[in-house]
Amino acid sequence: MGGDHDLRSYYLSGIVFYRVSSYYLKPKVASMHGITNMIRRMKEEVLYVCPPLALGYLTYLWADEKHVQLGRKDPNDYIHDT
């Protein structure tokens, strides 16, 4: 476990250079995997999230229209007012 087998080193006139293994740092690959994983998870959850949200929004629209309709005054109630 551990040791220098993970790091590649070489000598150049008495100076030691160390490189990080190509398996350690791959930020672009990791970020692309993260984005594709996020898209996959969103596609899996859309059928669980969108129908309740759509139902709630349609209920809100219906209730708002009903509230406006019930808030109107009936003109026939004020025919004999001067």
PDB file of N, CA and C in Angstrom:
ATOM      1  N   MET A   1       0.844  -1.167   0.000  1.00  0.00           N
ATOM      2  CA  MET A   1       0.000   0.000   0.000  1.00  0.00           C
ATOM      3  C   MET A   1       0.888   1.229   0.000  1.00  0.00           C
ATOM      4  N   GLY A   2       0.552   2.180  -0.792  1.00  0.00           N
ATOM      5  CA  GLY A   2       1.345   3.395  -0.855  1.00  0.00           C
ATOM      6  C   GLY A   2       2.639   3.167  -1.597  1.00  0.00           C
ATOM      7  N   GLY A   3       3.636   3.905  -1.212  1.00  0.00           N
ATOM      8  CA  GLY A   3       4.937   3.730  -1.845  1.00  0.00           C
ATOM      9  C   GLY A   3       5.072   4.566  -3.095  1.00  0.00           C
ATOM     10  N   ASP A   4       6.165   4.349  -3.805  1.00  0.00           N
ATOM     11  CA  ASP A   4       6.445   5.137  -4.996  1.00  0.00           C
ATOM     12  C   ASP A   4       5.921   4.496  -6.274  1.00  0.00           C
ATOM     13  N   HIS A   5       5.239   3.382  -6.171  1.00  0.00           N
ATOM     14  CA  HIS A   5       4.781   2.741  -7.402  1.00  0.00           C
ATOM     15  C   HIS A   5       3.653   3.515  -8.067  1.00  0.00           C
ATOM     16  N   ASP A   6       2.971   4.408  -7.319  1.00  0.00           N
ATOM     17  CA  ASP A   6       1.906   5.206  -7.912  1.00  0.00           C
ATOM     18  C   ASP A   6       2.455   6.421  -8.645  1.00  0.00           C
ATOM     19  N   LEU A   7       3.627   6.902  -8.224  1.00  0.00           N
ATOM     20  CA  LEU A   7       4.215   8.080  -8.847  1.00  0.00           C
ATOM     21  C   LEU A   7       5.357   7.645  -9.752  1.00  0.00           C
ATOM     22  N   ARG A   8       5.394   8.182 -10.921  1.00  0.00           N
ATOM     23  CA  ARG A   8       6.481   7.883 -11.839  1.00  0.00           C
ATOM     24  C   ARG A   8       7.578   8.919 -11.611  1.00  0.00           C
ATOM     25  N   SER A   9       8.768   8.468 -11.362  1.00  0.00           N
ATOM     26  CA  SER A   9       9.875   9.402 -11.152  1.00  0.00           C
ATOM     27  C   SER A   9      11.002   9.058 -12.110  1.00  0.00           C
ATOM     28  N   TYR A  10      11.789  10.044 -12.447  1.00  0.00           N
ATOM     29  CA  TYR A  10      12.963   9.809 -13.270  1.00  0.00           C
ATOM     30  C   TYR A  10      14.039  10.807 -12.864  1.00  0.00           C
ATOM     31  N   TYR A  11      15.272  10.454 -13.166  1.00  0.00           N
ATOM     32  CA  TYR A  11      16.421  11.266 -12.771  1.00  0.00           C
ATOM     33  C   TYR A  11      16.973  11.995 -13.989  1.00  0.00           C
ATOM     34  N   LEU A  12      17.372  13.224 -13.755  1.00  0.00           N
ATOM     35  CA  LEU A  12      18.023  13.998 -14.801  1.00  0.00           C
ATOM     36  C   LEU A  12      19.190  14.730 -14.156  1.00  0.00           C
ATOM     37  N   SER A  13      20.354  14.229 -14.323  1.00  0.00           N
ATOM     38  CA  SER A  13      21.605  14.771 -13.766  1.00  0.00           C
ATOM     39  C   SER A  13      21.487  15.071 -12.271  1.00  0.00           C
ATOM     40  N   GLY A  14      20.995  14.109 -11.534  1.00  0.00           N
ATOM     41  CA  GLY A  14      20.924  14.241 -10.081  1.00  0.00           C
ATOM     42  C   GLY A  14      19.686  14.945  -9.564  1.00  0.00           C
ATOM     43  N   ILE A  15      18.794  15.418 -10.426  1.00  0.00           N
ATOM     44  CA  ILE A  15      17.563  16.089  -9.998  1.00  0.00           C
ATOM     45  C   ILE A  15      16.418  15.101 -10.179  1.00  0.00           C
ATOM     46  N   VAL A  16      15.608  14.988  -9.171  1.00  0.00           N
ATOM     47  CA  VAL A  16      14.498  14.049  -9.220  1.00  0.00           C
ATOM     48  C   VAL A  16      13.235  14.809  -9.612  1.00  0.00           C
ATOM     49  N   PHE A  17      12.551  14.327 -10.614  1.00  0.00           N
ATOM     50  CA  PHE A  17      11.282  14.901 -11.035  1.00  0.00           C
ATOM     51  C   PHE A  17      10.178  13.898 -10.730  1.00  0.00           C
ATOM     52  N   TYR A  18       9.070  14.394 -10.239  1.00  0.00           N
ATOM     53  CA  TYR A  18       7.929  13.528  -9.962  1.00  0.00           C
ATOM     54  C   TYR A  18       6.760  13.962 -10.831  1.00  0.00           C
ATOM     55  N   ARG A  19       6.038  13.002 -11.315  1.00  0.00           N
ATOM     56  CA  ARG A  19       4.817  13.290 -12.057  1.00  0.00           C
ATOM     57  C   ARG A  19       3.664  12.592 -11.362  1.00  0.00           C
ATOM     58  N   VAL A  20       2.519  13.182 -11.473  1.00  0.00           N
ATOM     59  CA  VAL A  20       1.318  12.563 -10.920  1.00  0.00           C
ATOM     60  C   VAL A  20       0.799  11.565 -11.941  1.00  0.00           C
ATOM     61  N   SER A  21       0.326  10.458 -11.464  1.00  0.00           N
ATOM     62  CA  SER A  21      -0.194   9.422 -12.335  1.00  0.00           C
ATOM     63  C   SER A  21      -1.352   9.963 -13.167  1.00  0.00           C
ATOM     64  N   SER A  22      -1.477   9.459 -14.359  1.00  0.00           N
ATOM     65  CA  SER A  22      -2.556   9.915 -15.234  1.00  0.00           C
ATOM     66  C   SER A  22      -3.923   9.500 -14.707  1.00  0.00           C
ATOM     67  N   TYR A  23      -3.958   8.595 -13.755  1.00  0.00           N
ATOM     68  CA  TYR A  23      -5.232   8.162 -13.191  1.00  0.00           C
ATOM     69  C   TYR A  23      -5.714   9.076 -12.070  1.00  0.00           C
ATOM     70  N   TYR A  24      -4.841   9.927 -11.555  1.00  0.00           N
ATOM     71  CA  TYR A  24      -5.214  10.762 -10.418  1.00  0.00           C
ATOM     72  C   TYR A  24      -5.982  12.010 -10.830  1.00  0.00           C
ATOM     73  N   LEU A  25      -5.472  12.754 -11.789  1.00  0.00           N
ATOM     74  CA  LEU A  25      -6.068  14.036 -12.137  1.00  0.00           C
ATOM     75  C   LEU A  25      -6.654  13.994 -13.541  1.00  0.00           C
ATOM     76  N   LYS A  26      -7.946  13.991 -13.605  1.00  0.00           N
ATOM     77  CA  LYS A  26      -8.648  14.115 -14.876  1.00  0.00           C
ATOM     78  C   LYS A  26      -9.864  15.005 -14.630  1.00  0.00           C
ATOM     79  N   PRO A  27      -9.646  16.303 -14.415  1.00  0.00           N
ATOM     80  CA  PRO A  27     -10.773  17.160 -14.048  1.00  0.00           C
ATOM     81  C   PRO A  27     -11.815  17.303 -15.153  1.00  0.00           C
ATOM     82  N   LYS A  28     -11.386  17.325 -16.403  1.00  0.00           N
ATOM     83  CA  LYS A  28     -12.359  17.478 -17.482  1.00  0.00           C
ATOM     84  C   LYS A  28     -13.243  16.247 -17.603  1.00  0.00           C
ATOM     85  N   VAL A  29     -12.636  15.090 -17.466  1.00  0.00           N
ATOM     86  CA  VAL A  29     -13.408  13.847 -17.541  1.00  0.00           C
ATOM     87  C   VAL A  29     -14.382  13.775 -16.370  1.00  0.00           C
ATOM     88  N   ALA A  30     -13.910  14.155 -15.187  1.00  0.00           N
ATOM     89  CA  ALA A  30     -14.773  14.101 -14.009  1.00  0.00           C
ATOM     90  C   ALA A  30     -15.925  15.092 -14.121  1.00  0.00           C
ATOM     91  N   SER A  31     -15.651  16.294 -14.633  1.00  0.00           N
ATOM     92  CA  SER A  31     -16.729  17.273 -14.752  1.00  0.00           C
ATOM     93  C   SER A  31     -17.732  16.850 -15.821  1.00  0.00           C
ATOM     94  N   MET A  32     -17.259  16.269 -16.918  1.00  0.00           N
ATOM     95  CA  MET A  32     -18.190  15.791 -17.941  1.00  0.00           C
ATOM     96  C   MET A  32     -19.030  14.634 -17.409  1.00  0.00           C
ATOM     97  N   HIS A  33     -18.421  13.766 -16.628  1.00  0.00           N
ATOM     98  CA  HIS A  33     -19.183  12.675 -16.024  1.00  0.00           C
ATOM     99  C   HIS A  33     -20.224  13.237 -15.059  1.00  0.00           C
ATOM    100  N   GLY A  34     -19.872  14.288 -14.336  1.00  0.00           N
ATOM    101  CA  GLY A  34     -20.818  14.901 -13.413  1.00  0.00           C
ATOM    102  C   GLY A  34     -22.003  15.510 -14.138  1.00  0.00           C
ATOM    103  N   ILE A  35     -21.746  16.170 -15.258  1.00  0.00           N
ATOM    104  CA  ILE A  35     -22.831  16.791 -16.028  1.00  0.00           C
ATOM    105  C   ILE A  35     -23.737  15.723 -16.627  1.00  0.00           C
ATOM    106  N   THR A  36     -23.149  14.699 -17.219  1.00  0.00           N
ATOM    107  CA  THR A  36     -23.983  13.648 -17.807  1.00  0.00           C
ATOM    108  C   THR A  36     -24.750  12.892 -16.728  1.00  0.00           C
ATOM    109  N   ASN A  37     -24.148  12.714 -15.570  1.00  0.00           N
ATOM    110  CA  ASN A  37     -24.836  12.050 -14.465  1.00  0.00           C
ATOM    111  C   ASN A  37     -26.005  12.902 -13.983  1.00  0.00           C
ATOM    112  N   MET A  38     -25.828  14.228 -13.938  1.00  0.00           N
ATOM    113  CA  MET A  38     -26.905  15.125 -13.524  1.00  0.00           C
ATOM    114  C   MET A  38     -28.073  15.061 -14.518  1.00  0.00           C
ATOM    115  N   ILE A  39     -27.758  15.046 -15.802  1.00  0.00           N
ATOM    116  CA  ILE A  39     -28.809  14.967 -16.821  1.00  0.00           C
ATOM    117  C   ILE A  39     -29.554  13.641 -16.711  1.00  0.00           C
ATOM    118  N   ARG A  40     -28.829  12.559 -16.498  1.00  0.00           N
ATOM    119  CA  ARG A  40     -29.472  11.247 -16.354  1.00  0.00           C
ATOM    120  C   ARG A  40     -30.403  11.235 -15.151  1.00  0.00           C
ATOM    121  N   ARG A  41     -29.962  11.794 -14.030  1.00  0.00           N
ATOM    122  CA  ARG A  41     -30.805  11.812 -12.833  1.00  0.00           C
ATOM    123  C   ARG A  41     -32.039  12.682 -13.034  1.00  0.00           C
ATOM    124  N   MET A  42     -31.884  13.802 -13.737  1.00  0.00           N
ATOM    125  CA  MET A  42     -33.038  14.661 -13.991  1.00  0.00           C
ATOM    126  C   MET A  42     -34.058  13.947 -14.871  1.00  0.00           C
ATOM    127  N   LYS A  43     -33.585  13.204 -15.869  1.00  0.00           N
ATOM    128  CA  LYS A  43     -34.510  12.465 -16.729  1.00  0.00           C
ATOM    129  C   LYS A  43     -35.241  11.376 -15.955  1.00  0.00           C
ATOM    130  N   GLU A  44     -34.573  10.787 -14.978  1.00  0.00           N
ATOM    131  CA  GLU A  44     -35.224   9.754 -14.172  1.00  0.00           C
ATOM    132  C   GLU A  44     -36.279  10.343 -13.244  1.00  0.00           C
ATOM    133  N   GLU A  45     -36.090  11.554 -12.765  1.00  0.00           N
ATOM    134  CA  GLU A  45     -36.982  12.141 -11.771  1.00  0.00           C
ATOM    135  C   GLU A  45     -38.102  12.986 -12.365  1.00  0.00           C
ATOM    136  N   VAL A  46     -38.045  13.286 -13.658  1.00  0.00           N
ATOM    137  CA  VAL A  46     -39.009  14.213 -14.239  1.00  0.00           C
ATOM    138  C   VAL A  46     -40.442  13.682 -14.128  1.00  0.00           C
ATOM    139  N   LEU A  47     -40.648  12.384 -14.235  1.00  0.00           N
ATOM    140  CA  LEU A  47     -42.002  11.834 -14.150  1.00  0.00           C
ATOM    141  C   LEU A  47     -42.547  11.850 -12.724  1.00  0.00           C
ATOM    142  N   TYR A  48     -41.678  11.977 -11.743  1.00  0.00           N
ATOM    143  CA  TYR A  48     -42.128  12.064 -10.358  1.00  0.00           C
ATOM    144  C   TYR A  48     -42.366  13.504  -9.926  1.00  0.00           C
ATOM    145  N   VAL A  49     -41.685  14.450 -10.545  1.00  0.00           N
ATOM    146  CA  VAL A  49     -41.737  15.839 -10.098  1.00  0.00           C
ATOM    147  C   VAL A  49     -42.739  16.666 -10.901  1.00  0.00           C
ATOM    148  N   CYS A  50     -42.748  16.522 -12.212  1.00  0.00           N
ATOM    149  CA  CYS A  50     -43.556  17.397 -13.065  1.00  0.00           C
ATOM    150  C   CYS A  50     -45.068  17.232 -12.913  1.00  0.00           C
ATOM    151  N   PRO A  51     -45.631  16.029 -12.831  1.00  0.00           N
ATOM    152  CA  PRO A  51     -47.091  15.944 -12.701  1.00  0.00           C
ATOM    153  C   PRO A  51     -47.658  16.646 -11.462  1.00  0.00           C
ATOM    154  N   PRO A  52     -47.077  16.496 -10.266  1.00  0.00           N
ATOM    155  CA  PRO A  52     -47.617  17.255  -9.138  1.00  0.00           C
ATOM    156  C   PRO A  52     -47.463  18.764  -9.306  1.00  0.00           C
ATOM    157  N   LEU A  53     -46.345  19.198  -9.890  1.00  0.00           N
ATOM    158  CA  LEU A  53     -46.170  20.631 -10.116  1.00  0.00           C
ATOM    159  C   LEU A  53     -47.192  21.154 -11.124  1.00  0.00           C
ATOM    160  N   ALA A  54     -47.432  20.403 -12.188  1.00  0.00           N
ATOM    161  CA  ALA A  54     -48.412  20.819 -13.188  1.00  0.00           C
ATOM    162  C   ALA A  54     -49.814  20.839 -12.591  1.00  0.00           C
ATOM    163  N   LEU A  55     -50.150  19.843 -11.790  1.00  0.00           N
ATOM    164  CA  LEU A  55     -51.461  19.816 -11.141  1.00  0.00           C
ATOM    165  C   LEU A  55     -51.628  21.000 -10.194  1.00  0.00           C
ATOM    166  N   GLY A  56     -50.610  21.308  -9.439  1.00  0.00           N
ATOM    167  CA  GLY A  56     -50.665  22.458  -8.537  1.00  0.00           C
ATOM    168  C   GLY A  56     -50.816  23.764  -9.290  1.00  0.00           C
ATOM    169  N   TYR A  57     -50.100  23.910 -10.404  1.00  0.00           N
ATOM    170  CA  TYR A  57     -50.198  25.137 -11.185  1.00  0.00           C
ATOM    171  C   TYR A  57     -51.575  25.275 -11.825  1.00  0.00           C
ATOM    172  N   LEU A  58     -52.118  24.186 -12.360  1.00  0.00           N
ATOM    173  CA  LEU A  58     -53.459  24.247 -12.953  1.00  0.00           C
ATOM    174  C   LEU A  58     -54.515  24.541 -11.896  1.00  0.00           C
ATOM    175  N   THR A  59     -54.352  23.991 -10.695  1.00  0.00           N
ATOM    176  CA  THR A  59     -55.271  24.297  -9.595  1.00  0.00           C
ATOM    177  C   THR A  59     -55.193  25.767  -9.226  1.00  0.00           C
ATOM    178  N   TYR A  60     -53.981  26.315  -9.205  1.00  0.00           N
ATOM    179  CA  TYR A  60     -53.806  27.733  -8.904  1.00  0.00           C
ATOM    180  C   TYR A  60     -54.494  28.598  -9.953  1.00  0.00           C
ATOM    181  N   LEU A  61     -54.327  28.266 -11.237  1.00  0.00           N
ATOM    182  CA  LEU A  61     -54.977  29.044 -12.292  1.00  0.00           C
ATOM    183  C   LEU A  61     -56.494  28.976 -12.174  1.00  0.00           C
ATOM    184  N   TRP A  62     -57.017  27.788 -11.896  1.00  0.00           N
ATOM    185  CA  TRP A  62     -58.463  27.642 -11.748  1.00  0.00           C
ATOM    186  C   TRP A  62     -58.967  28.458 -10.559  1.00  0.00           C
ATOM    187  N   ALA A  63     -58.288  28.377  -9.426  1.00  0.00           N
ATOM    188  CA  ALA A  63     -58.728  29.092  -8.228  1.00  0.00           C
ATOM    189  C   ALA A  63     -58.635  30.600  -8.420  1.00  0.00           C
ATOM    190  N   ASP A  64     -57.617  31.061  -9.116  1.00  0.00           N
ATOM    191  CA  ASP A  64     -57.483  32.498  -9.354  1.00  0.00           C
ATOM    192  C   ASP A  64     -58.609  33.005 -10.250  1.00  0.00           C
ATOM    193  N   GLU A  65     -58.921  32.253 -11.296  1.00  0.00           N
ATOM    194  CA  GLU A  65     -60.025  32.646 -12.181  1.00  0.00           C
ATOM    195  C   GLU A  65     -61.358  32.624 -11.435  1.00  0.00           C
ATOM    196  N   LYS A  66     -61.563  31.615 -10.601  1.00  0.00           N
ATOM    197  CA  LYS A  66     -62.798  31.521  -9.819  1.00  0.00           C
ATOM    198  C   LYS A  66     -62.906  32.683  -8.833  1.00  0.00           C
ATOM    199  N   HIS A  67     -61.778  33.076  -8.227  1.00  0.00           N
ATOM    200  CA  HIS A  67     -61.775  34.193  -7.289  1.00  0.00           C
ATOM    201  C   HIS A  67     -62.154  35.497  -7.989  1.00  0.00           C
ATOM    202  N   VAL A  68     -61.617  35.716  -9.177  1.00  0.00           N
ATOM    203  CA  VAL A  68     -61.959  36.925  -9.934  1.00  0.00           C
ATOM    204  C   VAL A  68     -63.435  36.894 -10.317  1.00  0.00           C
ATOM    205  N   GLN A  69     -63.925  35.737 -10.701  1.00  0.00           N
ATOM    206  CA  GLN A  69     -65.320  35.601 -11.109  1.00  0.00           C
ATOM    207  C   GLN A  69     -66.264  35.855  -9.933  1.00  0.00           C
ATOM    208  N   LEU A  70     -65.941  35.325  -8.765  1.00  0.00           N
ATOM    209  CA  LEU A  70     -66.802  35.524  -7.603  1.00  0.00           C
ATOM    210  C   LEU A  70     -66.686  36.930  -7.023  1.00  0.00           C
ATOM    211  N   GLY A  71     -65.630  37.636  -7.345  1.00  0.00           N
ATOM    212  CA  GLY A  71     -65.452  38.993  -6.839  1.00  0.00           C
ATOM    213  C   GLY A  71     -66.212  40.039  -7.634  1.00  0.00           C
ATOM    214  N   ARG A  72     -66.777  39.672  -8.768  1.00  0.00           N
ATOM    215  CA  ARG A  72     -67.534  40.626  -9.580  1.00  0.00           C
ATOM    216  C   ARG A  72     -68.889  40.901  -8.940  1.00  0.00           C
ATOM    217  N   LYS A  73     -69.344  42.110  -9.138  1.00  0.00           N
ATOM    218  CA  LYS A  73     -70.668  42.482  -8.635  1.00  0.00           C
ATOM    219  C   LYS A  73     -71.705  42.207  -9.725  1.00  0.00           C
ATOM    220  N   ASP A  74     -72.888  41.822  -9.286  1.00  0.00           N
ATOM    221  CA  ASP A  74     -73.981  41.561 -10.220  1.00  0.00           C
ATOM    222  C   ASP A  74     -74.643  42.893 -10.560  1.00  0.00           C
ATOM    223  N   PRO A  75     -74.648  43.303 -11.824  1.00  0.00           N
ATOM    224  CA  PRO A  75     -75.257  44.592 -12.189  1.00  0.00           C
ATOM    225  C   PRO A  75     -76.761  44.643 -11.918  1.00  0.00           C
ATOM    226  N   ASN A  76     -77.437  43.507 -11.901  1.00  0.00           N
ATOM    227  CA  ASN A  76     -78.883  43.505 -11.656  1.00  0.00           C
ATOM    228  C   ASN A  76     -79.224  43.906 -10.225  1.00  0.00           C
ATOM    229  N   ASP A  77     -78.298  43.779  -9.299  1.00  0.00           N
ATOM    230  CA  ASP A  77     -78.551  44.184  -7.918  1.00  0.00           C
ATOM    231  C   ASP A  77     -78.613  45.700  -7.768  1.00  0.00           C
ATOM    232  N   TYR A  78     -78.117  46.457  -8.731  1.00  0.00           N
ATOM    233  CA  TYR A  78     -78.012  47.913  -8.604  1.00  0.00           C
ATOM    234  C   TYR A  78     -78.834  48.647  -9.658  1.00  0.00           C
ATOM    235  N   ILE A  79     -79.856  48.006 -10.207  1.00  0.00           N
ATOM    236  CA  ILE A  79     -80.673  48.636 -11.251  1.00  0.00           C
ATOM    237  C   ILE A  79     -81.447  49.828 -10.693  1.00  0.00           C
ATOM    238  N   HIS A  80     -82.000  49.709  -9.499  1.00  0.00           N
ATOM    239  CA  HIS A  80     -82.878  50.749  -8.951  1.00  0.00           C
ATOM    240  C   HIS A  80     -82.121  51.794  -8.148  1.00  0.00           C
ATOM    241  N   ASP A  81     -80.833  51.707  -8.046  1.00  0.00           N
ATOM    242  CA  ASP A  81     -80.058  52.738  -7.345  1.00  0.00           C
ATOM    243  C   ASP A  81     -79.911  53.953  -8.242  1.00  0.00           C
ATOM    244  N   THR A  82     -79.925  55.098  -7.639  1.00  0.00           N
ATOM    245  CA  THR A  82     -79.823  56.319  -8.424  1.00  0.00           C
ATOM    246  C   THR A  82     -78.459  56.916  -8.350  1.00  0.00           C
TER     247      THR A  82
END
